[in-house]
Amino acid sequence: MSHSLPTQIWPSEFVQRYQQAGYWRGETFGAMLRQRAEQYPDRVAVVGGAQRLTYADLDKQASAIAAGLLQKGLKKGDRVIVHLPNIPEFISAIFGLFRAGLIPLYALPAHRITEIEHFAKTGGAKAYLCADNHGGFDYRDLAAELKQRYPELQDIVVVGDAGDYTPFADLLQTAVPSDFPVNVSSPQDVAFLQISGGSTGLSKLIPRTHDDYIYTLRESARICGLDDTSIFLGALPLAHNFPMSSPGFMGTLYAGGRVVLSPSPSAEDCFSLIEQERVTFTSLVPPLLLLWLEAVGRSTPDLSTLKVIQVGGAKLIPEVAKRVHPTLGVTLQQVFGMAEGLVNYTRLGDDLDTIVETQGFPISPDDEILLVDDHDKPVAPGEAGHLLTRGPYTIRAYYNNPSANERSFTADGYYRTGDIVRLTDAGYLVVQGRAGDHINRAGEKISAEEIEDHLLANPQVFDAAVVSIPDEYLGERSCAFVIAKGEQKPRAIDLKKWVRERGVAEFKVPDQIIFVDAFTATAAGKISRKALRAQLQAQLHTQLSQS
């Protein structure tokens, strides 16, 4: 398995086009932070827990972390898994990695050994950076198991009580040479590896360059009206692309604003921080928005500074969208995008129908969009089709995954998003759903194939098929249809425990398990997931009619 990073993501003619258009300006993250620290040295950049870091503090920490990691033997281009919750150390760590020319590989706090081992092996990681504990889970135990399974790991760094590992606090004390470089990366270098939603098997790795990603920050900040007075609340996990760059915490720092980190996305925690820190905007997934809408009726929080709530990650139904302004007194901004690239926003000045009914308009004039049928033929105007896209910040290939690249990209560089959408006359996207066997559970993407593999490893399971079913609160939830071996069926609760104990994120554990004797097959002999969904809907309808 090759772990060399690609030296050029886009063909030369596209590099020239995007540079001439002014999208790519030769910026890098290592230099960006130093520029902000020189502009706003004493301005508070990041707030989290008891910490309040100025731009000068953040810049100083980034250099110390960079110097410390390089002294430990890591080299430019090495990949480092970043597995941290929403704490200031997340931000100082990634900017330290950028400054050293190291490549962050982002993991979500909910990920467990199955996902982390996959990231390490696929990404060729050299180090693992984690918290000691978060949410009752000890990440040091995961680190120990990772080291056993993946001995190529050179170092483990822990925020908090490090035990036998390298304390993150020690890196912050590293003496930085006076000639230590602010930036060692080229604008076209890969800046970091994000993770895909994992629509087929475990998540794929997405290489993003300094030039392409900083372009999205700059344009997102402009579209969303950010400036140096903007205060962003990080409620969702920072490793998600949405709260990272749409415009998220990175866009806020690019604009010279302030980032406030919440320990959880709960209304209780977030409302308190909005009031204390005078937050101006935040980003949520639909289930969290629903909780906030309900919570505001039970309390009287001061949300007077909050101007915009962005909602993305899953489809927001119009009935809920209509409640946002009357209930919370803020502007709703719908966001539809993907870590692979394309991002769409409703604009802040759009009329109510556009904000409620659509998922936005692309960032860039050079975001090319094609809607095609099952045979890659263009659909008629106004009709729904498979969304294909390419542009100045949409990747041309996944990292180290030739089979996925063959499936996901056309010969002329369009990315197959897997979404079914239609376009309005004004060019806004209206999302109809997913084309593949992909479950979007409250913004967390689940691969049916991955969970089926875990179920099939159980000795009492003969076959399994996982499908998505609509859910008013989550958007979609997962249902596993299982054919048991022999006459003794396992209990559903035991199968859920089995999946959970195989070290996967909790959101991947099936919400529902139904035992069946056989699956309906398609003409090609494959399991008909459409038939399974219909079977479940019929069952639910029968239950409702009898109640």
Protein backbone atom coordinates (compact mmCIF):
# COMPACT_ATOMS: atom_id res chain seq x y z
CA MET A 1 0.00 0.00 0.00
CA SER A 2 1.58 3.27 -1.13
CA HIS A 3 1.53 6.17 1.32
CA SER A 4 3.16 8.86 -0.82
CA LEU A 5 1.15 12.08 -0.98
CA PRO A 6 0.08 13.31 -4.43
CA THR A 7 2.26 16.13 -5.69
CA GLN A 8 -0.49 17.67 -7.85
CA ILE A 9 -4.22 17.36 -7.23
CA TRP A 10 -5.52 19.22 -10.31
CA PRO A 11 -4.39 19.06 -13.95
CA SER A 12 -2.08 21.92 -14.97
CA GLU A 13 -4.67 23.71 -17.10
CA PHE A 14 -7.07 23.88 -14.12
CA VAL A 15 -4.32 25.10 -11.79
CA GLN A 16 -3.66 27.93 -14.23
CA ARG A 17 -7.38 28.69 -14.61
CA TYR A 18 -8.01 28.88 -10.87
CA GLN A 19 -4.90 30.96 -10.22
CA GLN A 20 -5.73 33.43 -13.00
CA ALA A 21 -9.30 33.74 -11.71
CA GLY A 22 -7.90 34.78 -8.33
CA TYR A 23 -9.33 31.81 -6.44
CA TRP A 24 -5.92 30.47 -5.48
CA ARG A 25 -3.67 33.19 -4.11
CA GLY A 26 -0.70 31.20 -2.84
CA GLU A 27 -1.77 31.27 0.82
CA THR A 28 -0.83 28.62 3.38
CA PHE A 29 -2.16 27.90 6.87
CA GLY A 30 1.26 28.28 8.46
CA ALA A 31 1.60 31.82 7.15
CA MET A 32 -2.08 32.69 7.62
CA LEU A 33 -1.95 32.38 11.40
CA ARG A 34 1.21 34.51 11.64
CA GLN A 35 -0.45 37.22 9.54
CA ARG A 36 -3.47 37.30 11.86
CA ALA A 37 -1.22 37.34 14.93
CA GLU A 38 0.58 40.38 13.53
CA GLN A 39 -2.73 42.09 12.69
CA TYR A 40 -4.55 41.24 15.95
CA PRO A 41 -1.93 40.14 18.52
CA ASP A 42 -4.00 40.89 21.63
CA ARG A 43 -7.42 39.99 20.27
CA VAL A 44 -8.97 36.82 21.74
CA ALA A 45 -9.01 34.14 19.04
CA VAL A 46 -10.21 31.00 20.86
CA VAL A 47 -12.30 30.48 23.99
CA GLY A 48 -12.80 27.06 25.53
CA GLY A 49 -13.32 26.08 29.16
CA ALA A 50 -11.04 28.27 31.27
CA GLN A 51 -8.76 29.08 28.34
CA ARG A 52 -8.79 32.32 26.37
CA LEU A 53 -6.10 32.36 23.69
CA THR A 54 -5.19 35.54 21.83
CA TYR A 55 -3.97 35.38 18.25
CA ALA A 56 -0.44 35.91 19.58
CA ASP A 57 -0.93 33.03 22.04
CA LEU A 58 -2.21 30.74 19.30
CA ASP A 59 0.69 31.64 17.02
CA LYS A 60 3.24 31.05 19.79
CA GLN A 61 1.69 27.68 20.67
CA ALA A 62 1.65 26.60 17.02
CA SER A 63 5.37 27.23 16.69
CA ALA A 64 6.17 25.41 19.94
CA ILE A 65 4.09 22.38 18.93
CA ALA A 66 5.69 22.34 15.48
CA ALA A 67 9.21 22.53 16.89
CA GLY A 68 8.45 19.88 19.50
CA LEU A 69 7.07 17.37 17.01
CA LEU A 70 9.96 17.86 14.61
CA GLN A 71 12.42 17.38 17.47
CA LYS A 72 10.73 14.05 18.21
CA GLY A 73 11.66 12.83 14.74
CA LEU A 74 8.57 13.52 12.67
CA LYS A 75 9.26 14.89 9.21
CA LYS A 76 7.46 17.15 6.75
CA GLY A 77 4.66 15.21 5.06
CA ASP A 78 4.15 12.71 7.91
CA ARG A 79 0.52 12.09 8.81
CA VAL A 80 -0.76 12.62 12.38
CA ILE A 81 -4.21 11.40 13.46
CA VAL A 82 -5.96 14.17 15.41
CA HIS A 83 -8.60 12.63 17.69
CA LEU A 84 -9.73 15.45 19.99
CA PRO A 85 -13.04 16.91 21.23
CA ASN A 86 -13.94 20.60 21.05
CA ILE A 87 -11.11 22.00 23.14
CA PRO A 88 -8.64 24.82 22.35
CA GLU A 89 -5.86 22.23 21.98
CA PHE A 90 -7.57 20.98 18.82
CA ILE A 91 -6.99 24.32 17.12
CA SER A 92 -3.48 24.95 18.43
CA ALA A 93 -2.50 21.38 17.51
CA ILE A 94 -3.59 21.53 13.89
CA PHE A 95 -1.91 24.90 13.35
CA GLY A 96 1.22 23.45 14.91
CA LEU A 97 1.03 20.57 12.44
CA PHE A 98 0.53 23.00 9.55
CA ARG A 99 3.54 25.04 10.65
CA ALA A 100 5.72 21.92 10.74
CA GLY A 101 4.50 20.73 7.35
CA LEU A 102 2.88 17.72 9.03
CA ILE A 103 -0.49 16.47 7.78
CA PRO A 104 -3.45 16.29 10.20
CA LEU A 105 -5.72 13.30 9.59
CA TYR A 106 -8.98 14.19 11.30
CA ALA A 107 -11.00 11.71 13.37
CA LEU A 108 -14.30 12.33 15.16
CA PRO A 109 -14.54 11.94 18.96
CA ALA A 110 -17.07 9.12 18.45
CA HIS A 111 -14.66 7.03 16.38
CA ARG A 112 -13.23 3.92 18.00
CA ILE A 113 -10.47 1.41 17.24
CA THR A 114 -12.05 0.06 14.04
CA GLU A 115 -12.08 3.48 12.41
CA ILE A 116 -8.80 4.71 13.88
CA GLU A 117 -6.90 1.60 12.78
CA HIS A 118 -8.32 2.04 9.27
CA PHE A 119 -7.21 5.68 9.19
CA ALA A 120 -3.74 4.79 10.45
CA LYS A 121 -3.17 2.03 7.91
CA THR A 122 -4.75 3.80 4.94
CA GLY A 123 -3.11 7.13 5.73
CA GLY A 124 0.25 5.73 6.78
CA ALA A 125 0.07 7.68 10.06
CA LYS A 126 3.24 8.24 12.06
CA ALA A 127 1.65 9.68 15.21
CA TYR A 128 -1.65 9.72 17.10
CA LEU A 129 -2.87 12.76 19.08
CA CYS A 130 -5.77 12.22 21.47
CA ALA A 131 -7.38 13.38 24.70
CA ASP A 132 -6.98 11.37 27.89
CA ASN A 133 -10.71 11.03 28.54
CA HIS A 134 -13.83 12.45 26.96
CA GLY A 135 -17.46 11.52 27.45
CA GLY A 136 -16.52 8.64 29.75
CA PHE A 137 -14.20 7.03 27.19
CA ASP A 138 -10.47 6.56 27.83
CA TYR A 139 -8.63 7.27 24.58
CA ARG A 140 -5.33 6.08 26.08
CA ASP A 141 -6.70 2.53 26.04
CA LEU A 142 -7.53 2.96 22.37
CA ALA A 143 -4.01 4.30 21.81
CA ALA A 144 -2.50 1.20 23.41
CA GLU A 145 -4.58 -1.10 21.21
CA LEU A 146 -3.74 0.97 18.13
CA LYS A 147 -0.03 0.64 18.85
CA GLN A 148 -0.41 -3.15 19.07
CA ARG A 149 -2.34 -3.38 15.82
CA TYR A 150 -0.25 -0.79 14.00
CA PRO A 151 3.36 -0.90 15.24
CA GLU A 152 4.47 1.60 12.57
CA LEU A 153 3.12 4.34 14.86
CA GLN A 154 6.11 6.34 16.10
CA ASP A 155 4.54 8.50 18.78
CA ILE A 156 1.39 9.00 20.83
CA VAL A 157 0.64 12.45 22.25
CA VAL A 158 -2.07 12.94 24.88
CA VAL A 159 -3.84 16.09 26.02
CA GLY A 160 -4.31 15.82 29.78
CA ASP A 161 -2.97 12.93 31.86
CA ALA A 162 -0.65 11.29 29.35
CA GLY A 163 0.35 8.27 31.43
CA ASP A 164 3.10 6.47 29.51
CA TYR A 165 2.75 8.69 26.45
CA THR A 166 4.02 12.12 25.41
CA PRO A 167 2.20 14.93 27.25
CA PHE A 168 0.82 17.58 24.92
CA ALA A 169 1.77 20.12 27.58
CA ASP A 170 5.43 19.25 27.05
CA LEU A 171 5.20 20.27 23.39
CA LEU A 172 3.92 23.70 24.44
CA GLN A 173 7.14 24.22 26.45
CA THR A 174 9.44 23.54 23.49
CA ALA A 175 12.00 26.27 22.89
CA VAL A 176 11.51 27.68 19.42
CA PRO A 177 14.64 28.74 17.50
CA SER A 178 14.66 32.38 16.39
CA ASP A 179 14.96 31.29 12.77
CA PHE A 180 12.13 28.75 12.98
CA PRO A 181 10.13 29.05 9.71
CA VAL A 182 6.58 30.36 9.75
CA ASN A 183 5.75 28.25 6.73
CA VAL A 184 7.42 25.24 5.10
CA SER A 185 4.59 24.23 2.78
CA SER A 186 3.78 25.07 -0.81
CA PRO A 187 0.25 26.37 -1.48
CA GLN A 188 -0.34 23.29 -3.66
CA ASP A 189 0.79 20.86 -0.95
CA VAL A 190 -1.78 18.66 0.77
CA ALA A 191 -2.64 20.50 4.01
CA PHE A 192 -4.66 17.73 5.68
CA LEU A 193 -6.71 14.59 5.16
CA GLN A 194 -10.40 14.73 5.95
CA ILE A 195 -12.69 11.73 6.13
CA SER A 196 -15.60 10.98 3.83
CA GLY A 197 -19.04 9.97 5.02
CA GLY A 198 -18.13 6.37 4.25
CA SER A 199 -21.02 5.52 1.91
CA THR A 200 -19.29 2.27 0.92
CA GLY A 201 -17.34 0.61 3.70
CA LEU A 202 -15.11 2.60 6.03
CA SER A 203 -14.44 6.29 5.42
CA LYS A 204 -12.24 7.34 2.53
CA LEU A 205 -9.48 9.91 3.01
CA ILE A 206 -9.84 13.28 1.30
CA PRO A 207 -6.71 15.30 0.47
CA ARG A 208 -7.22 19.06 0.69
CA THR A 209 -4.56 21.58 -0.29
CA HIS A 210 -3.74 24.92 1.33
CA ASP A 211 -4.78 26.88 -1.78
CA ASP A 212 -8.12 25.13 -2.39
CA TYR A 213 -9.26 25.10 1.23
CA ILE A 214 -8.26 28.65 2.05
CA TYR A 215 -10.23 29.75 -1.01
CA THR A 216 -13.36 28.19 0.53
CA LEU A 217 -12.66 29.97 3.83
CA ARG A 218 -12.24 33.34 2.16
CA GLU A 219 -15.37 33.02 0.01
CA SER A 220 -17.47 31.46 2.79
CA ALA A 221 -16.52 34.32 5.10
CA ARG A 222 -17.56 36.81 2.41
CA ILE A 223 -20.84 35.07 1.59
CA CYS A 224 -21.74 34.71 5.27
CA GLY A 225 -20.83 38.29 6.17
CA LEU A 226 -17.96 37.53 8.56
CA ASP A 227 -15.53 40.17 9.76
CA ASP A 228 -13.23 40.72 12.73
CA THR A 229 -16.24 41.25 15.03
CA SER A 230 -17.80 37.85 14.24
CA ILE A 231 -18.01 35.31 17.07
CA PHE A 232 -18.57 31.68 16.08
CA LEU A 233 -19.88 28.99 18.44
CA GLY A 234 -18.37 25.56 17.72
CA ALA A 235 -21.17 23.25 18.81
CA LEU A 236 -20.64 20.37 16.36
CA PRO A 237 -17.40 18.31 16.45
CA LEU A 238 -14.68 20.49 14.93
CA ALA A 239 -13.32 17.64 12.79
CA HIS A 240 -16.44 17.79 10.62
CA ASN A 241 -16.00 19.83 7.44
CA PHE A 242 -19.16 21.87 8.17
CA PRO A 243 -18.05 23.52 11.47
CA MET A 244 -14.49 23.64 10.17
CA SER A 245 -14.88 25.69 7.01
CA SER A 246 -18.45 26.63 6.15
CA PRO A 247 -17.23 29.14 7.29
CA GLY A 248 -16.77 27.49 10.69
CA PHE A 249 -13.87 28.04 13.02
CA MET A 250 -11.27 28.29 10.26
CA GLY A 251 -13.29 30.87 8.33
CA THR A 252 -13.77 32.85 11.54
CA LEU A 253 -10.02 32.88 12.23
CA TYR A 254 -9.37 33.85 8.61
CA ALA A 255 -11.66 36.87 9.14
CA GLY A 256 -9.97 37.77 12.45
CA GLY A 257 -13.00 36.87 14.58
CA ARG A 258 -13.39 34.80 17.73
CA VAL A 259 -14.10 31.07 18.10
CA VAL A 260 -16.01 29.87 21.17
CA LEU A 261 -15.98 26.11 21.82
CA SER A 262 -18.86 24.33 23.50
CA PRO A 263 -18.23 21.07 25.38
CA SER A 264 -21.46 19.73 23.90
CA PRO A 265 -24.09 20.82 21.38
CA SER A 266 -26.84 20.79 24.01
CA ALA A 267 -29.09 23.81 24.26
CA GLU A 268 -28.17 24.20 27.93
CA ASP A 269 -24.42 24.49 27.24
CA CYS A 270 -24.76 26.49 24.05
CA PHE A 271 -27.36 29.01 25.23
CA SER A 272 -25.16 29.84 28.22
CA LEU A 273 -22.12 30.40 25.99
CA ILE A 274 -24.09 32.47 23.47
CA GLU A 275 -25.14 34.79 26.29
CA GLN A 276 -21.73 34.95 27.99
CA GLU A 277 -19.57 35.35 24.88
CA ARG A 278 -22.03 37.36 22.72
CA VAL A 279 -21.96 34.76 19.95
CA THR A 280 -23.12 35.97 16.53
CA PHE A 281 -23.47 32.73 14.54
CA THR A 282 -23.27 28.96 14.77
CA SER A 283 -23.85 25.79 12.73
CA LEU A 284 -26.14 22.87 13.59
CA VAL A 285 -27.53 19.66 12.12
CA PRO A 286 -31.35 19.34 11.94
CA PRO A 287 -31.85 17.18 15.08
CA LEU A 288 -29.95 19.69 17.19
CA LEU A 289 -31.94 22.54 15.72
CA LEU A 290 -35.12 20.76 16.80
CA LEU A 291 -33.79 20.41 20.34
CA TRP A 292 -32.91 24.10 20.42
CA LEU A 293 -36.36 25.06 19.14
CA GLU A 294 -37.95 23.01 21.91
CA ALA A 295 -35.58 24.23 24.61
CA VAL A 296 -36.13 27.93 23.95
CA GLY A 297 -39.79 27.44 24.87
CA ARG A 298 -38.83 26.01 28.28
CA SER A 299 -36.40 28.77 29.21
CA THR A 300 -35.69 32.41 28.53
CA PRO A 301 -32.12 32.56 27.19
CA ASP A 302 -30.65 35.83 25.97
CA LEU A 303 -29.91 35.10 22.33
CA SER A 304 -30.01 38.73 21.26
CA THR A 305 -26.50 38.71 19.75
CA LEU A 306 -27.13 35.58 17.69
CA LYS A 307 -27.83 36.65 14.12
CA VAL A 308 -27.50 33.49 12.00
CA ILE A 309 -27.96 29.76 12.51
CA GLN A 310 -26.62 27.63 9.71
CA VAL A 311 -28.16 24.19 9.24
CA GLY A 312 -26.60 21.43 7.19
CA GLY A 313 -25.29 17.89 7.33
CA ALA A 314 -28.73 16.44 6.56
CA LYS A 315 -31.90 17.63 4.82
CA LEU A 316 -33.89 20.20 6.80
CA ILE A 317 -37.59 19.79 6.19
CA PRO A 318 -39.43 23.03 5.29
CA GLU A 319 -41.86 22.71 8.21
CA VAL A 320 -38.97 23.00 10.66
CA ALA A 321 -37.16 25.65 8.61
CA LYS A 322 -40.20 27.91 8.86
CA ARG A 323 -40.01 27.85 12.67
CA VAL A 324 -36.48 29.16 13.00
CA HIS A 325 -36.96 32.91 12.71
CA PRO A 326 -40.27 33.14 14.63
CA THR A 327 -38.92 31.00 17.49
CA LEU A 328 -35.26 32.03 17.75
CA GLY A 329 -35.32 35.45 16.11
CA VAL A 330 -32.39 34.62 13.83
CA THR A 331 -31.78 34.23 10.11
CA LEU A 332 -31.64 30.64 8.89
CA GLN A 333 -28.92 29.80 6.41
CA GLN A 334 -29.14 26.39 4.75
CA VAL A 335 -25.82 24.74 3.86
CA PHE A 336 -25.38 21.74 1.61
CA GLY A 337 -21.92 20.43 0.95
CA MET A 338 -19.41 17.65 1.34
CA ALA A 339 -15.88 17.20 2.61
CA GLU A 340 -14.88 16.29 -0.95
CA GLY A 341 -15.55 19.85 -2.04
CA LEU A 342 -18.75 21.47 -3.33
CA VAL A 343 -20.49 23.73 -0.80
CA ASN A 344 -23.76 25.62 -1.33
CA TYR A 345 -25.32 28.36 0.80
CA THR A 346 -28.62 30.14 0.82
CA ARG A 347 -27.65 33.80 0.90
CA LEU A 348 -28.49 35.95 3.92
CA GLY A 349 -30.58 38.29 1.78
CA ASP A 350 -32.60 35.56 0.07
CA ASP A 351 -36.39 35.56 0.29
CA LEU A 352 -38.08 33.26 2.80
CA ASP A 353 -39.20 30.69 0.23
CA THR A 354 -35.64 30.25 -1.05
CA ILE A 355 -34.24 29.90 2.48
CA VAL A 356 -36.93 27.40 3.49
CA GLU A 357 -37.24 25.33 0.34
CA THR A 358 -33.68 25.08 -1.07
CA GLN A 359 -30.25 23.97 0.08
CA GLY A 360 -28.36 26.88 -1.43
CA PHE A 361 -26.27 28.15 -4.32
CA PRO A 362 -22.62 27.15 -4.97
CA ILE A 363 -19.68 29.13 -3.58
CA SER A 364 -17.78 29.60 -6.82
CA PRO A 365 -18.61 30.73 -10.36
CA ASP A 366 -16.37 27.83 -11.43
CA ASP A 367 -18.31 25.19 -9.48
CA GLU A 368 -19.43 23.07 -12.43
CA ILE A 369 -22.60 21.05 -11.85
CA LEU A 370 -24.07 18.25 -13.95
CA LEU A 371 -27.33 16.44 -13.25
CA VAL A 372 -27.53 13.09 -15.03
CA ASP A 373 -29.73 10.02 -15.14
CA ASP A 374 -28.69 6.44 -14.34
CA HIS A 375 -26.89 6.25 -17.70
CA ASP A 376 -24.96 9.52 -17.26
CA LYS A 377 -27.24 11.36 -19.70
CA PRO A 378 -28.21 14.94 -18.75
CA VAL A 379 -31.70 15.25 -17.28
CA ALA A 380 -34.20 17.81 -18.53
CA PRO A 381 -34.21 21.25 -16.85
CA GLY A 382 -36.08 21.12 -13.55
CA GLU A 383 -35.82 17.35 -13.24
CA ALA A 384 -33.93 15.57 -10.47
CA GLY A 385 -30.74 13.71 -11.28
CA HIS A 386 -27.47 12.38 -9.92
CA LEU A 387 -25.25 15.30 -8.87
CA LEU A 388 -21.79 15.43 -10.47
CA THR A 389 -19.44 18.34 -9.80
CA ARG A 390 -15.93 19.68 -10.27
CA GLY A 391 -14.37 23.00 -9.37
CA PRO A 392 -11.56 24.89 -7.63
CA TYR A 393 -12.01 23.10 -4.30
CA THR A 394 -13.53 19.72 -5.23
CA ILE A 395 -11.00 16.89 -5.13
CA ARG A 396 -10.03 14.83 -8.16
CA ALA A 397 -9.24 11.62 -6.24
CA TYR A 398 -9.37 10.07 -2.79
CA TYR A 399 -6.08 9.32 -1.10
CA ASN A 400 -4.73 5.79 -1.50
CA ASN A 401 -8.00 4.27 -2.77
CA PRO A 402 -7.92 3.33 -6.48
CA SER A 403 -11.16 1.32 -6.41
CA ALA A 404 -13.13 4.18 -4.86
CA ASN A 405 -11.61 6.60 -7.35
CA GLU A 406 -12.77 4.47 -10.26
CA ARG A 407 -16.33 4.51 -8.89
CA SER A 408 -16.44 8.10 -7.73
CA PHE A 409 -14.81 10.17 -10.49
CA THR A 410 -15.44 10.50 -14.20
CA ALA A 411 -12.65 10.47 -16.75
CA ASP A 412 -12.92 14.25 -17.12
CA GLY A 413 -12.66 14.92 -13.40
CA TYR A 414 -16.23 15.20 -12.16
CA TYR A 415 -16.95 13.88 -8.67
CA ARG A 416 -20.02 11.65 -8.31
CA THR A 417 -21.50 12.95 -5.07
CA GLY A 418 -24.10 10.20 -4.63
CA ASP A 419 -26.83 12.81 -4.13
CA ILE A 420 -30.06 13.19 -6.07
CA VAL A 421 -30.87 16.87 -6.56
CA ARG A 422 -32.75 19.22 -8.83
CA LEU A 423 -31.97 22.80 -9.76
CA THR A 424 -34.34 25.74 -9.50
CA ASP A 425 -34.53 28.29 -12.30
CA ALA A 426 -32.20 30.50 -10.24
CA GLY A 427 -29.60 27.74 -9.94
CA TYR A 428 -30.27 26.78 -6.31
CA LEU A 429 -30.04 23.11 -5.35
CA VAL A 430 -32.94 21.18 -3.86
CA VAL A 431 -31.73 17.90 -2.38
CA GLN A 432 -33.98 14.89 -2.96
CA GLY A 433 -31.94 12.22 -1.17
CA ARG A 434 -29.04 9.79 -1.52
CA ALA A 435 -28.58 7.50 -4.47
CA GLY A 436 -26.64 4.76 -2.68
CA ASP A 437 -27.08 2.62 0.37
CA HIS A 438 -26.00 5.42 2.63
CA ILE A 439 -27.67 6.32 5.91
CA ASN A 440 -27.52 9.97 6.96
CA ARG A 441 -28.33 9.75 10.65
CA ALA A 442 -28.46 13.26 12.10
CA GLY A 443 -25.62 14.33 9.84
CA GLU A 444 -23.45 11.29 10.65
CA LYS A 445 -22.90 9.15 7.56
CA ILE A 446 -23.20 5.38 7.97
CA SER A 447 -22.21 2.75 5.43
CA ALA A 448 -24.74 -0.08 5.23
CA GLU A 449 -21.97 -2.34 3.97
CA GLU A 450 -19.75 -1.71 6.98
CA ILE A 451 -22.46 -2.55 9.53
CA GLU A 452 -23.53 -5.62 7.56
CA ASP A 453 -19.96 -6.86 7.77
CA HIS A 454 -20.01 -6.57 11.56
CA LEU A 455 -23.36 -8.37 11.83
CA LEU A 456 -22.21 -11.16 9.51
CA ALA A 457 -19.26 -11.79 11.81
CA ASN A 458 -21.71 -12.95 14.48
CA PRO A 459 -21.92 -16.77 14.49
CA GLN A 460 -25.70 -16.64 14.88
CA VAL A 461 -26.23 -14.49 11.78
CA PHE A 462 -26.66 -16.07 8.34
CA ASP A 463 -27.24 -12.87 6.38
CA ALA A 464 -27.90 -9.19 7.04
CA ALA A 465 -29.02 -6.11 5.13
CA VAL A 466 -29.01 -2.60 6.57
CA VAL A 467 -31.28 0.09 5.14
CA SER A 468 -32.21 3.66 5.93
CA ILE A 469 -35.71 4.58 6.98
CA PRO A 470 -37.14 8.10 7.33
CA ASP A 471 -37.18 9.53 10.83
CA GLU A 472 -38.80 12.84 11.74
CA TYR A 473 -36.13 13.64 14.32
CA LEU A 474 -32.91 12.12 12.91
CA GLY A 475 -33.67 12.57 9.22
CA GLU A 476 -32.87 8.89 8.73
CA ARG A 477 -32.27 5.98 11.07
CA SER A 478 -30.84 2.55 10.45
CA CYS A 479 -32.69 -0.75 10.37
CA ALA A 480 -30.92 -4.08 10.07
CA PHE A 481 -32.81 -7.01 8.54
CA VAL A 482 -31.25 -10.24 9.78
CA ILE A 483 -31.60 -13.88 8.77
CA ALA A 484 -30.55 -16.02 11.73
CA LYS A 485 -28.63 -19.27 11.55
CA GLY A 486 -30.54 -22.29 12.82
CA GLU A 487 -33.72 -22.18 14.83
CA GLN A 488 -32.38 -20.22 17.80
CA LYS A 489 -32.54 -16.54 16.93
CA PRO A 490 -30.29 -14.11 18.80
CA ARG A 491 -31.97 -11.24 20.60
CA ALA A 492 -31.88 -7.85 18.93
CA ILE A 493 -30.34 -6.31 22.05
CA ASP A 494 -27.52 -8.85 21.91
CA LEU A 495 -26.78 -8.09 18.26
CA LYS A 496 -26.63 -4.37 19.03
CA LYS A 497 -24.22 -5.15 21.86
CA TRP A 498 -22.16 -7.27 19.44
CA VAL A 499 -21.79 -4.40 16.97
CA ARG A 500 -21.01 -1.92 19.75
CA GLU A 501 -18.33 -4.15 21.24
CA ARG A 502 -16.56 -4.49 17.90
CA GLY A 503 -15.26 -0.98 18.47
CA VAL A 504 -17.38 1.18 16.16
CA ALA A 505 -18.83 4.61 16.77
CA GLU A 506 -22.11 4.50 18.71
CA PHE A 507 -24.07 6.20 15.91
CA LYS A 508 -23.33 3.17 13.69
CA VAL A 509 -25.11 0.68 15.97
CA PRO A 510 -28.41 -0.22 14.22
CA ASP A 511 -31.40 1.66 15.61
CA GLN A 512 -33.68 -1.26 14.84
CA ILE A 513 -33.21 -4.96 14.09
CA ILE A 514 -35.87 -7.08 12.39
CA PHE A 515 -35.56 -10.85 11.89
CA VAL A 516 -36.77 -12.25 8.58
CA ASP A 517 -36.70 -15.67 6.93
CA ALA A 518 -35.47 -14.47 3.53
CA PHE A 519 -34.69 -11.35 1.47
CA THR A 520 -36.42 -10.28 -1.72
CA ALA A 521 -33.86 -10.32 -4.54
CA THR A 522 -33.50 -8.10 -7.59
CA ALA A 523 -33.34 -9.48 -11.12
CA ALA A 524 -29.56 -9.54 -10.80
CA GLY A 525 -29.80 -11.67 -7.67
CA LYS A 526 -28.91 -8.87 -5.27
CA ILE A 527 -30.77 -7.96 -2.11
CA SER A 528 -33.54 -5.50 -2.88
CA ARG A 529 -33.17 -2.76 -0.29
CA LYS A 530 -36.13 -0.99 -1.86
CA ALA A 531 -38.29 -4.02 -1.06
CA LEU A 532 -36.99 -4.12 2.51
CA ARG A 533 -37.83 -0.46 3.05
CA ALA A 534 -41.31 -1.05 1.63
CA GLN A 535 -41.73 -4.06 3.93
CA LEU A 536 -40.79 -1.96 6.94
CA GLN A 537 -43.09 0.90 5.94
CA ALA A 538 -45.97 -1.56 5.56
CA GLN A 539 -45.21 -3.00 8.98
CA LEU A 540 -45.16 0.45 10.57
CA HIS A 541 -48.42 1.38 8.82
CA THR A 542 -50.07 -1.79 10.15
CA GLN A 543 -48.89 -1.04 13.67
CA LEU A 544 -50.25 2.51 13.49
CA SER A 545 -53.61 1.40 12.14
CA GLN A 546 -53.99 -1.12 14.97
CA SER A 547 -53.03 1.33 17.70
